[in-house]
C-alpha atoms as a PDB file:
ATOM      1  CA  UNK A   1       0.000   0.000   0.000  1.00  0.00           C
ATOM      2  CA  UNK A   2       1.355   3.428  -1.013  1.00  0.00           C
ATOM      3  CA  UNK A   3       1.302   5.685   2.049  1.00  0.00           C
ATOM      4  CA  UNK A   4       2.817   8.666   0.283  1.00  0.00           C
ATOM      5  CA  UNK A   5       0.721  11.821   0.702  1.00  0.00           C
ATOM      6  CA  UNK A   6      -1.092  13.120  -2.357  1.00  0.00           C
ATOM      7  CA  UNK A   7       0.808  15.889  -4.131  1.00  0.00           C
ATOM      8  CA  UNK A   8      -0.533  19.422  -3.834  1.00  0.00           C
ATOM      9  CA  UNK A   9      -3.395  20.390  -6.163  1.00  0.00           C
ATOM     10  CA  UNK A  10      -1.144  22.710  -8.163  1.00  0.00           C
ATOM     11  CA  UNK A  11       1.241  19.851  -8.813  1.00  0.00           C
ATOM     12  CA  UNK A  12      -1.620  17.584  -9.899  1.00  0.00           C
ATOM     13  CA  UNK A  13      -2.851  20.175 -12.381  1.00  0.00           C
ATOM     14  CA  UNK A  14       0.672  20.734 -13.713  1.00  0.00           C
ATOM     15  CA  UNK A  15       1.144  16.968 -14.138  1.00  0.00           C
ATOM     16  CA  UNK A  16      -2.172  16.641 -15.996  1.00  0.00           C
ATOM     17  CA  UNK A  17      -1.255  19.496 -18.321  1.00  0.00           C
ATOM     18  CA  UNK A  18       2.163  17.945 -18.964  1.00  0.00           C
ATOM     19  CA  UNK A  19       0.520  14.612 -19.788  1.00  0.00           C
ATOM     20  CA  UNK A  20      -1.790  16.194 -22.400  1.00  0.00           C
ATOM     21  CA  UNK A  21       1.082  18.265 -23.758  1.00  0.00           C
ATOM     22  CA  UNK A  22       3.145  15.131 -24.297  1.00  0.00           C
ATOM     23  CA  UNK A  23       0.101  13.659 -26.104  1.00  0.00           C
ATOM     24  CA  UNK A  24       0.125  16.646 -28.473  1.00  0.00           C
ATOM     25  CA  UNK A  25      -2.938  18.382 -27.013  1.00  0.00           C
ATOM     26  CA  UNK A  26      -2.218  21.901 -25.819  1.00  0.00           C
ATOM     27  CA  UNK A  27      -5.553  23.697 -26.461  1.00  0.00           C
ATOM     28  CA  UNK A  28      -9.158  23.036 -25.507  1.00  0.00           C
ATOM     29  CA  UNK A  29     -12.182  24.087 -27.629  1.00  0.00           C
ATOM     30  CA  UNK A  30     -15.879  24.380 -26.840  1.00  0.00           C
ATOM     31  CA  UNK A  31     -18.760  25.147 -29.232  1.00  0.00           C
ATOM     32  CA  UNK A  32     -20.770  27.286 -26.861  1.00  0.00           C
ATOM     33  CA  UNK A  33     -19.672  30.953 -26.592  1.00  0.00           C
ATOM     34  CA  UNK A  34     -18.420  32.040 -23.190  1.00  0.00           C
ATOM     35  CA  UNK A  35     -19.233  35.413 -21.656  1.00  0.00           C
ATOM     36  CA  UNK A  36     -15.769  36.008 -20.244  1.00  0.00           C
ATOM     37  CA  UNK A  37     -16.496  39.698 -19.706  1.00  0.00           C
ATOM     38  CA  UNK A  38     -20.093  39.314 -18.481  1.00  0.00           C
ATOM     39  CA  UNK A  39     -21.378  41.859 -15.995  1.00  0.00           C
ATOM     40  CA  UNK A  40     -21.122  40.131 -12.561  1.00  0.00           C
ATOM     41  CA  UNK A  41     -24.421  41.815 -11.636  1.00  0.00           C
ATOM     42  CA  UNK A  42     -26.217  39.978 -14.430  1.00  0.00           C
ATOM     43  CA  UNK A  43     -27.247  40.941 -17.954  1.00  0.00           C
ATOM     44  CA  UNK A  44     -28.586  44.460 -18.358  1.00  0.00           C
ATOM     45  CA  UNK A  45     -30.262  45.993 -21.416  1.00  0.00           C
ATOM     46  CA  UNK A  46     -28.117  48.492 -23.287  1.00  0.00           C
ATOM     47  CA  UNK A  47     -28.406  52.058 -22.172  1.00  0.00           C
ATOM     48  CA  UNK A  48     -30.560  54.101 -24.585  1.00  0.00           C
ATOM     49  CA  UNK A  49     -28.814  56.786 -26.559  1.00  0.00           C
ATOM     50  CA  UNK A  50     -29.730  60.392 -25.718  1.00  0.00           C
ATOM     51  CA  UNK A  51     -31.669  60.688 -29.003  1.00  0.00           C
ATOM     52  CA  UNK A  52     -33.656  57.510 -28.308  1.00  0.00           C
ATOM     53  CA  UNK A  53     -34.398  58.612 -24.763  1.00  0.00           C
ATOM     54  CA  UNK A  54     -35.632  61.987 -26.006  1.00  0.00           C
ATOM     55  CA  UNK A  55     -37.818  60.344 -28.660  1.00  0.00           C
ATOM     56  CA  UNK A  56     -39.364  58.044 -26.069  1.00  0.00           C
ATOM     57  CA  UNK A  57     -40.399  61.063 -24.010  1.00  0.00           C
ATOM     58  CA  UNK A  58     -42.097  62.863 -26.916  1.00  0.00           C
ATOM     59  CA  UNK A  59     -45.892  62.595 -27.176  1.00  0.00           C
ATOM     60  CA  UNK A  60     -47.278  61.059 -30.388  1.00  0.00           C
ATOM     61  CA  UNK A  61     -47.522  63.464 -33.291  1.00  0.00           C
ATOM     62  CA  UNK A  62     -50.991  64.978 -33.710  1.00  0.00           C
ATOM     63  CA  UNK A  63     -53.095  63.655 -36.554  1.00  0.00           C
ATOM     64  CA  UNK A  64     -53.407  65.768 -39.692  1.00  0.00           C
ATOM     65  CA  UNK A  65     -56.466  67.966 -39.398  1.00  0.00           C
ATOM     66  CA  UNK A  66     -56.823  67.527 -35.655  1.00  0.00           C
ATOM     67  CA  UNK A  67     -59.799  65.885 -34.003  1.00  0.00           C
ATOM     68  CA  UNK A  68     -62.133  64.290 -36.603  1.00  0.00           C
ATOM     69  CA  UNK A  69     -65.103  65.029 -34.356  1.00  0.00           C
ATOM     70  CA  UNK A  70     -64.485  68.726 -35.021  1.00  0.00           C
ATOM     71  CA  UNK A  71     -64.271  68.494 -38.811  1.00  0.00           C
ATOM     72  CA  UNK A  72     -66.946  70.393 -40.766  1.00  0.00           C
ATOM     73  CA  UNK A  73     -70.079  68.479 -41.718  1.00  0.00           C
ATOM     74  CA  UNK A  74     -71.005  70.365 -44.881  1.00  0.00           C
ATOM     75  CA  UNK A  75     -69.021  71.138 -48.020  1.00  0.00           C
ATOM     76  CA  UNK A  76     -69.087  74.937 -47.779  1.00  0.00           C
ATOM     77  CA  UNK A  77     -67.741  74.875 -44.224  1.00  0.00           C
ATOM     78  CA  UNK A  78     -65.138  72.318 -45.223  1.00  0.00           C
ATOM     79  CA  UNK A  79     -63.751  74.668 -47.910  1.00  0.00           C
ATOM     80  CA  UNK A  80     -63.291  77.418 -45.317  1.00  0.00           C
ATOM     81  CA  UNK A  81     -61.738  74.927 -42.891  1.00  0.00           C
ATOM     82  CA  UNK A  82     -59.388  73.666 -45.631  1.00  0.00           C
ATOM     83  CA  UNK A  83     -57.990  77.177 -46.040  1.00  0.00           C
ATOM     84  CA  UNK A  84     -57.604  77.974 -42.338  1.00  0.00           C
ATOM     85  CA  UNK A  85     -57.138  74.815 -40.227  1.00  0.00           C
ATOM     86  CA  UNK A  86     -53.570  74.929 -38.790  1.00  0.00           C
ATOM     87  CA  UNK A  87     -53.469  71.152 -38.252  1.00  0.00           C
ATOM     88  CA  UNK A  88     -53.663  70.370 -41.976  1.00  0.00           C
ATOM     89  CA  UNK A  89     -50.003  71.105 -42.671  1.00  0.00           C
ATOM     90  CA  UNK A  90     -46.929  72.862 -41.339  1.00  0.00           C
ATOM     91  CA  UNK A  91     -47.104  75.759 -43.775  1.00  0.00           C
ATOM     92  CA  UNK A  92     -45.104  76.484 -46.892  1.00  0.00           C
ATOM     93  CA  UNK A  93     -44.172  79.011 -49.534  1.00  0.00           C
ATOM     94  CA  UNK A  94     -47.365  78.495 -51.534  1.00  0.00           C
ATOM     95  CA  UNK A  95     -50.922  79.417 -50.507  1.00  0.00           C
ATOM     96  CA  UNK A  96     -53.641  76.952 -49.724  1.00  0.00           C
ATOM     97  CA  UNK A  97     -56.232  76.526 -52.448  1.00  0.00           C
ATOM     98  CA  UNK A  98     -59.710  75.089 -51.953  1.00  0.00           C
ATOM     99  CA  UNK A  99     -61.486  72.583 -54.180  1.00  0.00           C
ATOM    100  CA  UNK A 100     -64.061  73.829 -56.667  1.00  0.00           C
ATOM    101  CA  UNK A 101     -67.204  72.446 -58.210  1.00  0.00           C
ATOM    102  CA  UNK A 102     -70.691  71.368 -57.137  1.00  0.00           C
ATOM    103  CA  UNK A 103     -71.673  68.833 -54.520  1.00  0.00           C
ATOM    104  CA  UNK A 104     -72.937  65.577 -56.048  1.00  0.00           C
ATOM    105  CA  UNK A 105     -71.062  66.106 -59.329  1.00  0.00           C
ATOM    106  CA  UNK A 106     -71.178  63.313 -61.917  1.00  0.00           C
ATOM    107  CA  UNK A 107     -67.373  63.125 -61.707  1.00  0.00           C
ATOM    108  CA  UNK A 108     -64.746  64.338 -59.236  1.00  0.00           C
ATOM    109  CA  UNK A 109     -61.147  64.646 -60.397  1.00  0.00           C
ATOM    110  CA  UNK A 110     -58.597  64.293 -57.613  1.00  0.00           C
ATOM    111  CA  UNK A 111     -54.998  65.436 -58.166  1.00  0.00           C
ATOM    112  CA  UNK A 112     -52.024  65.350 -55.777  1.00  0.00           C
ATOM    113  CA  UNK A 113     -51.736  69.101 -55.145  1.00  0.00           C
ATOM    114  CA  UNK A 114     -52.497  72.574 -56.513  1.00  0.00           C
ATOM    115  CA  UNK A 115     -50.347  73.928 -59.315  1.00  0.00           C
ATOM    116  CA  UNK A 116     -47.382  76.128 -58.393  1.00  0.00           C
ATOM    117  CA  UNK A 117     -49.091  79.264 -59.772  1.00  0.00           C
ATOM    118  CA  UNK A 118     -52.488  78.618 -58.186  1.00  0.00           C
ATOM    119  CA  UNK A 119     -53.637  81.400 -55.899  1.00  0.00           C
ATOM    120  CA  UNK A 120     -57.414  81.737 -55.554  1.00  0.00           C
ATOM    121  CA  UNK A 121     -58.442  79.027 -58.036  1.00  0.00           C
ATOM    122  CA  UNK A 122     -57.401  75.389 -57.986  1.00  0.00           C
ATOM    123  CA  UNK A 123     -55.798  74.125 -61.222  1.00  0.00           C
ATOM    124  CA  UNK A 124     -55.663  77.507 -62.910  1.00  0.00           C
ATOM    125  CA  UNK A 125     -52.614  76.697 -65.070  1.00  0.00           C
ATOM    126  CA  UNK A 126     -51.653  74.085 -67.685  1.00  0.00           C
ATOM    127  CA  UNK A 127     -52.884  71.182 -65.552  1.00  0.00           C
ATOM    128  CA  UNK A 128     -56.280  72.814 -65.279  1.00  0.00           C
ATOM    129  CA  UNK A 129     -56.432  73.482 -69.008  1.00  0.00           C
ATOM    130  CA  UNK A 130     -55.631  69.830 -69.659  1.00  0.00           C
ATOM    131  CA  UNK A 131     -58.463  68.731 -67.379  1.00  0.00           C
ATOM    132  CA  UNK A 132     -60.858  71.242 -68.920  1.00  0.00           C
ATOM    133  CA  UNK A 133     -60.122  69.783 -72.367  1.00  0.00           C
ATOM    134  CA  UNK A 134     -60.590  66.300 -70.970  1.00  0.00           C
ATOM    135  CA  UNK A 135     -63.925  67.256 -69.400  1.00  0.00           C
ATOM    136  CA  UNK A 136     -65.121  68.759 -72.658  1.00  0.00           C
ATOM    137  CA  UNK A 137     -64.194  65.587 -74.544  1.00  0.00           C
ATOM    138  CA  UNK A 138     -66.080  63.599 -71.908  1.00  0.00           C
ATOM    139  CA  UNK A 139     -69.155  65.698 -72.576  1.00  0.00           C
ATOM    140  CA  UNK A 140     -69.174  67.677 -69.317  1.00  0.00           C
ATOM    141  CA  UNK A 141     -69.656  71.414 -68.938  1.00  0.00           C
ATOM    142  CA  UNK A 142     -66.571  73.166 -67.478  1.00  0.00           C
ATOM    143  CA  UNK A 143     -68.271  73.846 -64.137  1.00  0.00           C
ATOM    144  CA  UNK A 144     -70.027  70.464 -63.832  1.00  0.00           C
ATOM    145  CA  UNK A 145     -67.093  68.571 -62.365  1.00  0.00           C
ATOM    146  CA  UNK A 146     -65.667  68.662 -58.858  1.00  0.00           C
ATOM    147  CA  UNK A 147     -61.911  69.366 -58.813  1.00  0.00           C
ATOM    148  CA  UNK A 148     -59.961  68.633 -55.635  1.00  0.00           C
ATOM    149  CA  UNK A 149     -56.377  68.139 -54.457  1.00  0.00           C
ATOM    150  CA  UNK A 150     -55.091  65.773 -51.803  1.00  0.00           C
ATOM    151  CA  UNK A 151     -52.775  68.469 -50.382  1.00  0.00           C
ATOM    152  CA  UNK A 152     -53.941  71.960 -49.455  1.00  0.00           C
ATOM    153  CA  UNK A 153     -50.974  73.702 -51.078  1.00  0.00           C
ATOM    154  CA  UNK A 154     -48.334  73.073 -53.747  1.00  0.00           C
ATOM    155  CA  UNK A 155     -45.467  71.129 -52.166  1.00  0.00           C
ATOM    156  CA  UNK A 156     -42.147  70.437 -53.873  1.00  0.00           C
ATOM    157  CA  UNK A 157     -41.286  67.035 -52.345  1.00  0.00           C
ATOM    158  CA  UNK A 158     -44.161  65.706 -50.249  1.00  0.00           C
ATOM    159  CA  UNK A 159     -43.455  62.699 -48.028  1.00  0.00           C
ATOM    160  CA  UNK A 160     -46.500  60.662 -49.018  1.00  0.00           C
ATOM    161  CA  UNK A 161     -45.677  57.817 -46.641  1.00  0.00           C
ATOM    162  CA  UNK A 162     -45.552  60.166 -43.667  1.00  0.00           C
ATOM    163  CA  UNK A 163     -48.704  61.940 -44.838  1.00  0.00           C
ATOM    164  CA  UNK A 164     -50.563  58.640 -45.028  1.00  0.00           C
ATOM    165  CA  UNK A 165     -49.324  57.653 -41.565  1.00  0.00           C
ATOM    166  CA  UNK A 166     -50.372  61.069 -40.253  1.00  0.00           C
ATOM    167  CA  UNK A 167     -53.993  60.579 -41.284  1.00  0.00           C
ATOM    168  CA  UNK A 168     -54.276  62.560 -44.514  1.00  0.00           C
ATOM    169  CA  UNK A 169     -56.290  59.709 -46.022  1.00  0.00           C
ATOM    170  CA  UNK A 170     -58.980  60.166 -43.352  1.00  0.00           C
ATOM    171  CA  UNK A 171     -59.242  63.858 -44.217  1.00  0.00           C
ATOM    172  CA  UNK A 172     -59.461  63.012 -47.909  1.00  0.00           C
ATOM    173  CA  UNK A 173     -62.210  60.453 -47.389  1.00  0.00           C
ATOM    174  CA  UNK A 174     -64.166  62.930 -45.293  1.00  0.00           C
ATOM    175  CA  UNK A 175     -63.776  65.506 -48.050  1.00  0.00           C
ATOM    176  CA  UNK A 176     -65.047  63.106 -50.706  1.00  0.00           C
ATOM    177  CA  UNK A 177     -67.949  62.065 -48.496  1.00  0.00           C
ATOM    178  CA  UNK A 178     -69.066  65.705 -48.300  1.00  0.00           C
ATOM    179  CA  UNK A 179     -68.557  66.272 -52.037  1.00  0.00           C
ATOM    180  CA  UNK A 180     -70.451  63.024 -52.818  1.00  0.00           C
ATOM    181  CA  UNK A 181     -69.416  62.582 -56.478  1.00  0.00           C
ATOM    182  CA  UNK A 182     -70.979  59.754 -58.490  1.00  0.00           C
ATOM    183  CA  UNK A 183     -67.602  58.777 -59.976  1.00  0.00           C
ATOM    184  CA  UNK A 184     -63.998  59.546 -59.053  1.00  0.00           C
ATOM    185  CA  UNK A 185     -60.991  60.001 -61.347  1.00  0.00           C
ATOM    186  CA  UNK A 186     -57.711  59.844 -59.382  1.00  0.00           C
ATOM    187  CA  UNK A 187     -54.749  61.362 -61.221  1.00  0.00           C
ATOM    188  CA  UNK A 188     -51.576  60.487 -59.358  1.00  0.00           C
ATOM    189  CA  UNK A 189     -50.250  57.149 -58.139  1.00  0.00           C
ATOM    190  CA  UNK A 190     -49.159  58.707 -54.823  1.00  0.00           C
ATOM    191  CA  UNK A 191     -52.766  59.579 -54.027  1.00  0.00           C
ATOM    192  CA  UNK A 192     -54.172  56.044 -54.284  1.00  0.00           C
ATOM    193  CA  UNK A 193     -52.622  54.760 -50.995  1.00  0.00           C
ATOM    194  CA  UNK A 194     -54.469  57.559 -49.185  1.00  0.00           C
ATOM    195  CA  UNK A 195     -57.687  55.903 -50.328  1.00  0.00           C
ATOM    196  CA  UNK A 196     -56.694  52.468 -49.102  1.00  0.00           C
ATOM    197  CA  UNK A 197     -54.806  51.027 -52.079  1.00  0.00           C
ATOM    198  CA  UNK A 198     -51.798  48.902 -51.103  1.00  0.00           C
ATOM    199  CA  UNK A 199     -48.747  50.663 -52.616  1.00  0.00           C
ATOM    200  CA  UNK A 200     -46.983  47.295 -52.948  1.00  0.00           C
ATOM    201  CA  UNK A 201     -49.611  46.230 -55.482  1.00  0.00           C
ATOM    202  CA  UNK A 202     -50.010  47.497 -59.034  1.00  0.00           C
ATOM    203  CA  UNK A 203     -52.586  50.242 -59.230  1.00  0.00           C
ATOM    204  CA  UNK A 204     -55.829  48.935 -60.727  1.00  0.00           C
ATOM    205  CA  UNK A 205     -57.201  50.845 -63.693  1.00  0.00           C
ATOM    206  CA  UNK A 206     -60.755  50.680 -62.348  1.00  0.00           C
ATOM    207  CA  UNK A 207     -61.985  49.825 -58.867  1.00  0.00           C
ATOM    208  CA  UNK A 208     -64.277  51.052 -56.103  1.00  0.00           C
ATOM    209  CA  UNK A 209     -63.688  52.654 -52.732  1.00  0.00           C
ATOM    210  CA  UNK A 210     -66.028  52.747 -49.767  1.00  0.00           C
ATOM    211  CA  UNK A 211     -66.721  56.267 -48.525  1.00  0.00           C
ATOM    212  CA  UNK A 212     -68.878  56.277 -45.419  1.00  0.00           C
ATOM    213  CA  UNK A 213     -70.724  53.183 -46.527  1.00  0.00           C
ATOM    214  CA  UNK A 214     -71.141  54.215 -50.167  1.00  0.00           C
ATOM    215  CA  UNK A 215     -69.239  52.478 -52.959  1.00  0.00           C
ATOM    216  CA  UNK A 216     -67.776  55.015 -55.391  1.00  0.00           C
ATOM    217  CA  UNK A 217     -66.420  53.816 -58.762  1.00  0.00           C
ATOM    218  CA  UNK A 218     -62.813  54.927 -59.260  1.00  0.00           C
ATOM    219  CA  UNK A 219     -60.666  55.266 -62.370  1.00  0.00           C
ATOM    220  CA  UNK A 220     -56.938  55.786 -61.717  1.00  0.00           C
ATOM    221  CA  UNK A 221     -54.237  57.232 -63.950  1.00  0.00           C
ATOM    222  CA  UNK A 222     -51.084  59.341 -63.861  1.00  0.00           C
ATOM    223  CA  UNK A 223     -50.692  62.820 -62.390  1.00  0.00           C
ATOM    224  CA  UNK A 224     -51.468  65.777 -64.687  1.00  0.00           C
ATOM    225  CA  UNK A 225     -47.781  66.631 -65.142  1.00  0.00           C
ATOM    226  CA  UNK A 226     -47.084  63.132 -66.508  1.00  0.00           C
ATOM    227  CA  UNK A 227     -50.131  63.271 -68.776  1.00  0.00           C
ATOM    228  CA  UNK A 228     -48.950  66.566 -70.230  1.00  0.00           C
ATOM    229  CA  UNK A 229     -45.478  65.193 -70.906  1.00  0.00           C
ATOM    230  CA  UNK A 230     -46.516  61.916 -72.576  1.00  0.00           C
ATOM    231  CA  UNK A 231     -49.292  61.769 -75.191  1.00  0.00           C
ATOM    232  CA  UNK A 232     -49.418  57.962 -74.966  1.00  0.00           C
ATOM    233  CA  UNK A 233     -50.512  58.252 -71.321  1.00  0.00           C
ATOM    234  CA  UNK A 234     -53.310  60.631 -72.306  1.00  0.00           C
ATOM    235  CA  UNK A 235     -54.381  58.196 -74.991  1.00  0.00           C
ATOM    236  CA  UNK A 236     -54.394  55.329 -72.504  1.00  0.00           C
ATOM    237  CA  UNK A 237     -56.485  57.351 -70.036  1.00  0.00           C
ATOM    238  CA  UNK A 238     -59.005  58.226 -72.723  1.00  0.00           C
ATOM    239  CA  UNK A 239     -59.355  54.607 -73.806  1.00  0.00           C
ATOM    240  CA  UNK A 240     -59.882  53.476 -70.214  1.00  0.00           C
ATOM    241  CA  UNK A 241     -62.497  56.206 -69.773  1.00  0.00           C
ATOM    242  CA  UNK A 242     -64.382  54.975 -72.841  1.00  0.00           C
ATOM    243  CA  UNK A 243     -64.228  51.404 -71.566  1.00  0.00           C
ATOM    244  CA  UNK A 244     -65.380  52.548 -68.130  1.00  0.00           C
ATOM    245  CA  UNK A 245     -68.371  54.536 -69.370  1.00  0.00           C
ATOM    246  CA  UNK A 246     -69.076  52.660 -72.627  1.00  0.00           C
ATOM    247  CA  UNK A 247     -68.389  55.896 -74.430  1.00  0.00           C
ATOM    248  CA  UNK A 248     -71.276  57.778 -72.828  1.00  0.00           C
ATOM    249  CA  UNK A 249     -70.967  60.714 -70.474  1.00  0.00           C
ATOM    250  CA  UNK A 250     -73.378  60.856 -67.568  1.00  0.00           C
END
């Protein structure tokens, strides 16, 4: 029986290491990552940056147009509200311009924004002349149609995604509900998402939208500036109009 005392622990460890070293093994590997520098107090979430902390303290941005319960309930009052309501936009270099035309028109034409030279009358420049020619070809009197813009003033680079998130589509639907057109022609692909169209999908040529429980037929095409630039787009719009109405104006 070996009565020699066991060597100290340090000597045992050194002997084991020497044995593995002689066997050609001098490193150990594990698959699981090791938190060698882990906080001894336990894991803590990262500290927010000053900008993130400030953003978290900010109240949510107010909706465009303010409280819907306070929106006007008739078209004449809405036009005055459109020109004066501070919650509609943050201002700009161009004036606000109200829609024009009668309530219950056979056709409403909706464009993205007023023209740059509009002052008291919406679509008073080349875009308006294009639409007047189009209305005449459709068989409508110049003052029979309802002309409206999605934005209250001409804006150079509108952020349509932010405008949609801010509630501009709700204002637009309320506007159309008061105007109550029998048909709607939307000129501008950026306007369609405000009416509920998924921007990830191709814009349908003809569809319907629900406005306060009423289904309104909709024909969609390009913005007036694009139509002016490209005759083939005007031709395509005219052909779709004929297909939509069977060639007969209402």
